[in-house]
Amino acid sequence: MDRFLYSVFLILITAAGTKAQPQAFNNKAFIEWNEFYDLRWEDFQGKPGDDVAGDAGTSVQIKAKPYLVKKKVKYDVYVLFNKDKSWSRDKSIQLLAHEQLHFDLAEVYARRIRKQVRELNEKDIEDVNVYNEAIQKILEESNEADRLYDIETLHGVMDKKQAEWTKKIQGELVSLKSYKKHKRVITAG
């Protein structure tokens, strides 16, 4: 069994006066989710506390940072795995697959955030508070889905349920593929 340490952080910085300056995540303590990288046990560099039960703990964060482009509210949305807060006692393939799916599940919700931001943009909503409330609701749904994932799979022990969740999450990633994070190049002028 693993004990999943799921932390969702939303950075809500007032967009007023902010120019388009996306922040890349280059901190070596974090791995930003991308479709070409699967977690490895070497990525779990933290140490469990003495009072922590379970075989592994994964710390994942969803960060959303607003900025303005031509008076339009935009968000950079990141899903980050925290190496320093993620740990393991067991190194089984099945447990690693379970932990990876926590990371993938966070990406599903990041894509839902990007979708919601796009829909609000299409409605010409300018109030950053409307965006923040919508994002907060999605983050709460993410926490609930993550909790349900652990309960239904018994932290990855129930093979059939684990397979069902894997299929479900992979399907959602595909259905939301137009909302995956794209690298942007910003030029002067």
Protein backbone atom coordinates (compact mmCIF):
# COMPACT_ATOMS: atom_id res chain seq x y z
CA MET A 1 0.00 0.00 0.00
CA ASP A 2 1.09 3.50 -0.61
CA ARG A 3 0.21 6.62 1.24
CA PHE A 4 -0.31 9.37 -1.25
CA LEU A 5 0.68 12.84 -0.20
CA TYR A 6 -1.19 14.93 -2.69
CA SER A 7 -0.82 18.62 -2.43
CA VAL A 8 -2.54 20.93 -4.81
CA PHE A 9 -1.37 24.48 -4.81
CA LEU A 10 -2.93 27.26 -6.75
CA ILE A 11 -0.90 30.36 -7.15
CA LEU A 12 -3.34 33.16 -7.69
CA ILE A 13 -1.52 36.35 -8.39
CA THR A 14 -3.53 39.38 -9.31
CA ALA A 15 -3.31 39.72 -13.06
CA ALA A 16 -3.69 43.48 -13.07
CA GLY A 17 -0.63 45.06 -14.58
CA THR A 18 1.03 41.73 -15.33
CA LYS A 19 2.54 41.34 -18.77
CA ALA A 20 2.91 38.08 -20.67
CA GLN A 21 5.92 36.57 -18.91
CA PRO A 22 5.36 32.82 -18.57
CA GLN A 23 7.49 31.13 -15.94
CA ALA A 24 9.30 27.96 -16.91
CA PHE A 25 9.87 25.53 -14.09
CA ASN A 26 13.58 24.80 -13.91
CA ASN A 27 13.90 23.92 -10.23
CA LYS A 28 15.67 20.53 -10.01
CA ALA A 29 13.43 19.48 -7.12
CA PHE A 30 10.46 19.33 -9.50
CA ILE A 31 9.52 17.34 -12.57
CA GLU A 32 6.94 18.99 -14.76
CA TRP A 33 4.42 16.52 -16.21
CA ASN A 34 4.92 15.66 -19.85
CA GLU A 35 3.69 12.80 -21.95
CA PHE A 36 7.19 11.53 -22.72
CA TYR A 37 8.42 11.01 -19.17
CA ASP A 38 7.40 8.32 -16.72
CA LEU A 39 8.42 8.52 -13.09
CA ARG A 40 11.27 6.31 -11.87
CA TRP A 41 11.99 5.27 -8.33
CA GLU A 42 15.11 7.48 -8.44
CA ASP A 43 12.75 10.47 -8.62
CA PHE A 44 11.42 9.68 -5.12
CA GLN A 45 14.15 11.39 -3.09
CA GLY A 46 12.28 12.37 0.07
CA LYS A 47 12.21 10.57 3.38
CA PRO A 48 8.98 9.42 5.05
CA GLY A 49 8.27 10.75 8.51
CA ASP A 50 8.34 8.35 11.45
CA ASP A 51 4.56 8.57 11.79
CA VAL A 52 3.89 7.86 8.08
CA ALA A 53 2.47 4.48 7.10
CA GLY A 54 2.56 2.98 3.64
CA ASP A 55 5.08 2.07 1.01
CA ALA A 56 5.26 5.30 -0.99
CA GLY A 57 4.19 8.90 -0.95
CA THR A 58 3.86 11.13 -3.98
CA SER A 59 3.72 14.91 -3.81
CA VAL A 60 2.09 16.49 -6.85
CA GLN A 61 1.14 20.12 -7.27
CA ILE A 62 -1.07 21.87 -9.78
CA LYS A 63 -0.02 25.49 -10.14
CA ALA A 64 -1.98 28.10 -12.05
CA LYS A 65 -0.50 31.55 -12.61
CA PRO A 66 -2.48 34.31 -14.33
CA TYR A 67 -1.09 36.88 -16.74
CA LEU A 68 -2.52 39.29 -19.32
CA VAL A 69 -2.19 39.31 -23.09
CA LYS A 70 -3.88 42.26 -24.79
CA LYS A 71 -6.25 42.64 -21.83
CA LYS A 72 -7.18 38.92 -21.95
CA VAL A 73 -6.69 36.86 -18.80
CA LYS A 74 -4.51 33.81 -19.47
CA TYR A 75 -3.04 31.19 -17.15
CA ASP A 76 0.10 29.12 -17.15
CA VAL A 77 -0.94 25.82 -15.59
CA TYR A 78 1.72 23.38 -14.42
CA VAL A 79 1.62 19.91 -12.91
CA LEU A 80 4.71 19.32 -10.81
CA PHE A 81 6.07 16.23 -9.08
CA ASN A 82 8.10 17.22 -6.02
CA LYS A 83 11.12 14.92 -5.75
CA ASP A 84 12.08 16.12 -2.28
CA LYS A 85 8.64 15.38 -0.79
CA SER A 86 8.04 12.09 -2.62
CA TRP A 87 9.40 8.91 -1.07
CA SER A 88 9.22 5.13 -1.25
CA ARG A 89 9.98 2.09 0.87
CA ASP A 90 8.92 -0.43 -1.78
CA LYS A 91 10.21 -0.41 -5.35
CA SER A 92 7.69 -2.64 -7.11
CA ILE A 93 6.62 -2.00 -10.69
CA GLN A 94 2.94 -2.09 -9.68
CA LEU A 95 3.40 0.55 -6.99
CA LEU A 96 5.34 2.81 -9.35
CA ALA A 97 2.53 2.51 -11.92
CA HIS A 98 0.05 3.50 -9.20
CA GLU A 99 2.14 6.54 -8.25
CA GLN A 100 2.53 7.54 -11.92
CA LEU A 101 -1.24 7.51 -12.27
CA HIS A 102 -1.53 10.04 -9.44
CA PHE A 103 0.72 12.30 -11.53
CA ASP A 104 -1.35 11.60 -14.67
CA LEU A 105 -4.59 12.27 -12.82
CA ALA A 106 -3.28 15.71 -11.84
CA GLU A 107 -2.58 16.39 -15.52
CA VAL A 108 -6.21 15.53 -16.36
CA TYR A 109 -7.33 18.24 -13.97
CA ALA A 110 -4.75 20.71 -15.25
CA ARG A 111 -6.18 20.18 -18.72
CA ARG A 112 -9.67 20.79 -17.34
CA ILE A 113 -8.40 24.06 -15.90
CA ARG A 114 -6.92 25.07 -19.27
CA LYS A 115 -10.23 24.19 -20.93
CA GLN A 116 -12.19 26.26 -18.41
CA VAL A 117 -9.86 29.23 -18.90
CA ARG A 118 -10.33 29.01 -22.67
CA GLU A 119 -14.12 28.85 -22.28
CA LEU A 120 -14.14 31.90 -19.99
CA ASN A 121 -11.92 33.73 -22.49
CA GLU A 122 -14.37 32.94 -25.27
CA LYS A 123 -17.10 34.57 -23.15
CA ASP A 124 -14.87 37.68 -22.82
CA ILE A 125 -14.74 37.39 -19.01
CA GLU A 126 -12.16 39.87 -17.69
CA ASP A 127 -12.59 39.46 -13.92
CA VAL A 128 -9.71 37.32 -12.61
CA ASN A 129 -11.86 36.38 -9.61
CA VAL A 130 -14.26 34.49 -11.89
CA TYR A 131 -11.31 32.50 -13.24
CA ASN A 132 -9.92 31.85 -9.77
CA GLU A 133 -13.28 30.57 -8.48
CA ALA A 134 -13.64 28.22 -11.45
CA ILE A 135 -10.08 26.96 -10.98
CA GLN A 136 -10.58 26.43 -7.25
CA LYS A 137 -13.66 24.30 -7.97
CA ILE A 138 -11.68 22.12 -10.39
CA LEU A 139 -8.87 21.74 -7.83
CA GLU A 140 -11.39 20.55 -5.25
CA GLU A 141 -12.71 18.02 -7.78
CA SER A 142 -9.13 16.91 -8.39
CA ASN A 143 -8.56 16.28 -4.68
CA GLU A 144 -11.77 14.25 -4.47
CA ALA A 145 -10.90 12.19 -7.57
CA ASP A 146 -7.44 11.49 -6.15
CA ARG A 147 -8.91 10.37 -2.83
CA LEU A 148 -11.41 8.14 -4.63
CA TYR A 149 -8.63 6.65 -6.77
CA ASP A 150 -6.74 5.52 -3.66
CA ILE A 151 -9.89 4.19 -1.98
CA GLU A 152 -11.13 2.24 -4.99
CA THR A 153 -7.73 0.74 -5.83
CA LEU A 154 -6.77 0.24 -2.18
CA HIS A 155 -3.64 2.26 -2.97
CA GLY A 156 -2.93 0.17 -6.06
CA VAL A 157 -3.38 -3.27 -4.49
CA MET A 158 -6.66 -4.06 -6.28
CA ASP A 159 -5.36 -5.00 -9.75
CA LYS A 160 -8.73 -4.94 -11.52
CA LYS A 161 -9.65 -1.50 -10.13
CA GLN A 162 -6.15 -0.21 -10.87
CA ALA A 163 -6.57 -1.31 -14.50
CA GLU A 164 -9.97 0.42 -14.67
CA TRP A 165 -8.53 3.67 -13.36
CA THR A 166 -5.56 3.44 -15.73
CA LYS A 167 -7.90 3.04 -18.70
CA LYS A 168 -10.13 5.88 -17.47
CA ILE A 169 -7.30 8.35 -16.87
CA GLN A 170 -5.53 7.52 -20.14
CA GLY A 171 -8.84 8.00 -21.95
CA GLU A 172 -9.36 11.39 -20.32
CA LEU A 173 -5.85 12.49 -21.25
CA VAL A 174 -6.64 11.61 -24.87
CA SER A 175 -10.05 13.31 -24.83
CA LEU A 176 -8.47 16.48 -23.40
CA LYS A 177 -5.36 16.40 -25.61
CA SER A 178 -6.12 19.78 -27.15
CA TYR A 179 -5.63 21.25 -23.65
CA LYS A 180 -2.18 19.86 -22.96
CA LYS A 181 0.47 22.43 -22.14
CA HIS A 182 2.17 23.91 -25.15
CA LYS A 183 5.49 25.64 -25.10
CA ARG A 184 5.20 29.24 -26.14
CA VAL A 185 7.74 31.56 -27.62
CA ILE A 186 7.26 35.21 -26.80
CA THR A 187 9.06 37.72 -28.93
CA ALA A 188 9.60 41.40 -28.39
CA GLY A 189 7.69 43.80 -30.56
